[in-house]
């Protein structure tokens, strides 16, 4: 049975909820598609790990320029995440959008900023090992002293030798 103007009902065990927005499997409190793309986190609720990425709403290549991308069905470009989703039920994961952005530069910056904030390449709770497709061997985390001194610089603290 099809009802005009009503989005599909999603079953969760014995619970039912009506989807408010046509966002595919992505969790976000408004309709996606306004702008260039979005930043997302895939949360592995069993292993308690995360993967962060970005996805554009429209193609930018020669063959797909301006055409709507597969963003509603998209999961991730990560081979690790793809393998996990093949081996385990999708219900063990949450697909959460952090924000959508209107400009390509802002989208890339937001992804990089977030990966740096959580120190993803050196943090075992994150599946991400690269930032902006750049891979370099990171063997140590940012020290607490580094973070504190940066904070002090920004707060205009006085420094001595």
Protein backbone atom coordinates (compact mmCIF):
# COMPACT_ATOMS: atom_id res chain seq x y z
CA UNK A 1 0.00 0.00 0.00
CA UNK A 2 1.37 3.41 -0.97
CA UNK A 3 0.37 6.71 0.60
CA UNK A 4 1.10 9.97 -1.18
CA UNK A 5 3.33 12.33 0.79
CA UNK A 6 4.10 9.84 3.57
CA UNK A 7 7.60 8.47 4.00
CA UNK A 8 8.07 4.75 4.72
CA UNK A 9 7.67 3.26 8.18
CA UNK A 10 10.88 1.72 9.50
CA UNK A 11 10.67 -1.31 11.80
CA UNK A 12 13.01 -1.69 14.75
CA UNK A 13 12.12 -4.96 16.40
CA UNK A 14 8.61 -4.31 17.71
CA UNK A 15 9.01 -0.53 17.58
CA UNK A 16 7.89 1.58 14.66
CA UNK A 17 8.80 5.10 13.74
CA UNK A 18 7.82 7.25 10.83
CA UNK A 19 10.75 8.83 9.07
CA UNK A 20 10.39 12.59 8.99
CA UNK A 21 12.94 13.15 6.22
CA UNK A 22 14.05 11.40 3.05
CA UNK A 23 17.67 11.01 4.20
CA UNK A 24 18.15 7.32 3.55
CA UNK A 25 19.77 5.67 6.59
CA UNK A 26 21.40 8.91 7.79
CA UNK A 27 20.35 10.34 11.15
CA UNK A 28 19.96 14.14 11.02
CA UNK A 29 17.26 16.45 12.41
CA UNK A 30 16.42 18.07 9.05
CA UNK A 31 16.24 17.25 5.36
CA UNK A 32 19.69 16.74 3.84
CA UNK A 33 20.61 17.99 0.39
CA UNK A 34 20.97 21.71 0.98
CA UNK A 35 24.52 22.54 -0.05
CA UNK A 36 27.51 20.61 -1.31
CA UNK A 37 27.68 17.71 1.16
CA UNK A 38 27.88 16.50 4.74
CA UNK A 39 30.23 15.22 7.43
CA UNK A 40 29.23 11.89 8.94
CA UNK A 41 30.24 9.45 11.65
CA UNK A 42 29.55 5.74 11.47
CA UNK A 43 29.29 4.48 15.03
CA UNK A 44 30.08 0.81 15.64
CA UNK A 45 27.95 0.16 18.71
CA UNK A 46 29.41 -3.31 19.34
CA UNK A 47 33.15 -2.56 19.17
CA UNK A 48 32.59 1.05 20.32
CA UNK A 49 34.62 2.52 17.49
CA UNK A 50 33.96 5.24 14.93
CA UNK A 51 34.63 6.23 11.35
CA UNK A 52 34.37 9.82 10.12
CA UNK A 53 34.00 10.91 6.52
CA UNK A 54 32.40 13.33 4.09
CA UNK A 55 29.96 12.82 1.24
CA UNK A 56 28.87 15.17 -1.50
CA UNK A 57 25.29 15.46 -2.71
CA UNK A 58 26.23 15.89 -6.38
CA UNK A 59 28.89 14.49 -8.67
CA UNK A 60 31.90 16.59 -9.66
CA UNK A 61 33.53 14.40 -12.32
CA UNK A 62 33.29 14.56 -16.11
CA UNK A 63 30.69 11.80 -16.32
CA UNK A 64 28.56 12.70 -13.30
CA UNK A 65 28.95 16.48 -12.91
CA UNK A 66 25.87 17.96 -11.27
CA UNK A 67 24.02 14.64 -11.04
CA UNK A 68 22.73 13.54 -7.64
CA UNK A 69 25.18 11.17 -5.97
CA UNK A 70 24.28 7.95 -4.17
CA UNK A 71 24.36 9.76 -0.80
CA UNK A 72 21.10 8.21 0.46
CA UNK A 73 22.49 4.67 0.04
CA UNK A 74 26.17 5.48 0.62
CA UNK A 75 27.93 3.94 3.61
CA UNK A 76 31.64 4.68 3.29
CA UNK A 77 34.65 4.54 1.00
CA UNK A 78 36.56 2.72 3.74
CA UNK A 79 37.40 -0.91 2.93
CA UNK A 80 37.38 -1.67 6.67
CA UNK A 81 33.86 -0.33 7.11
CA UNK A 82 32.68 -2.12 3.94
CA UNK A 83 33.99 -5.43 5.32
CA UNK A 84 32.37 -4.86 8.72
CA UNK A 85 29.02 -4.09 7.09
CA UNK A 86 29.21 -7.31 5.04
CA UNK A 87 30.07 -9.43 8.08
CA UNK A 88 27.68 -7.95 10.63
CA UNK A 89 24.08 -6.73 10.81
CA UNK A 90 23.63 -3.10 9.82
CA UNK A 91 21.60 -2.61 13.03
CA UNK A 92 24.88 -2.72 14.98
CA UNK A 93 25.88 0.62 13.41
CA UNK A 94 24.53 4.16 13.55
CA UNK A 95 24.94 6.46 10.55
CA UNK A 96 25.01 9.97 11.98
CA UNK A 97 25.39 13.24 10.08
CA UNK A 98 27.21 15.90 12.07
CA UNK A 99 26.49 18.78 9.68
CA UNK A 100 25.88 19.66 6.05
CA UNK A 101 27.94 22.37 4.35
CA UNK A 102 27.24 24.76 1.50
CA UNK A 103 30.82 25.12 0.19
CA UNK A 104 33.32 22.46 -0.90
CA UNK A 105 36.17 24.11 1.01
CA UNK A 106 34.14 24.22 4.22
CA UNK A 107 33.25 20.54 3.79
CA UNK A 108 36.90 19.48 3.42
CA UNK A 109 38.00 21.74 6.26
CA UNK A 110 35.29 20.38 8.58
CA UNK A 111 36.36 16.80 7.91
CA UNK A 112 40.04 17.56 8.48
CA UNK A 113 39.33 19.67 11.57
CA UNK A 114 37.22 16.91 13.14
CA UNK A 115 39.76 14.16 12.40
CA UNK A 116 42.51 16.31 13.91
CA UNK A 117 40.37 17.18 16.95
CA UNK A 118 39.83 13.53 17.84
CA UNK A 119 43.42 12.67 16.80
CA UNK A 120 42.00 9.87 14.68
CA UNK A 121 45.23 8.44 13.19
CA UNK A 122 46.64 7.77 16.68
CA UNK A 123 43.41 7.00 18.50
CA UNK A 124 42.41 3.33 18.51
CA UNK A 125 38.72 4.16 18.87
CA UNK A 126 38.71 5.56 15.32
CA UNK A 127 38.92 3.42 12.19
CA UNK A 128 40.36 6.39 10.26
CA UNK A 129 44.09 6.14 9.60
CA UNK A 130 44.42 8.94 7.04
CA UNK A 131 43.43 12.58 6.80
CA UNK A 132 42.47 13.99 3.37
CA UNK A 133 43.85 10.88 1.65
CA UNK A 134 47.31 11.74 2.97
CA UNK A 135 48.97 8.98 4.90
CA UNK A 136 52.03 9.52 6.96
CA UNK A 137 53.32 7.31 9.76
CA UNK A 138 52.08 8.82 13.03
CA UNK A 139 53.78 7.02 15.90
CA UNK A 140 53.02 9.39 18.75
CA UNK A 141 50.09 11.42 19.97
CA UNK A 142 50.01 15.15 20.51
CA UNK A 143 51.36 15.67 24.03
CA UNK A 144 49.37 17.26 26.82
CA UNK A 145 52.10 19.90 27.13
CA UNK A 146 51.64 20.78 23.44
CA UNK A 147 47.90 21.20 23.96
CA UNK A 148 48.37 23.22 27.13
CA UNK A 149 51.00 25.53 25.63
CA UNK A 150 48.81 26.13 22.56
CA UNK A 151 45.94 27.00 24.87
CA UNK A 152 48.22 29.38 26.79
CA UNK A 153 49.40 31.06 23.58
CA UNK A 154 45.84 31.67 22.45
CA UNK A 155 44.97 33.00 25.93
CA UNK A 156 47.90 35.47 25.72
CA UNK A 157 49.71 34.01 28.71
CA UNK A 158 53.24 35.30 29.36
CA UNK A 159 56.02 32.86 28.46
CA UNK A 160 59.50 32.71 29.93
CA UNK A 161 62.50 30.55 29.08
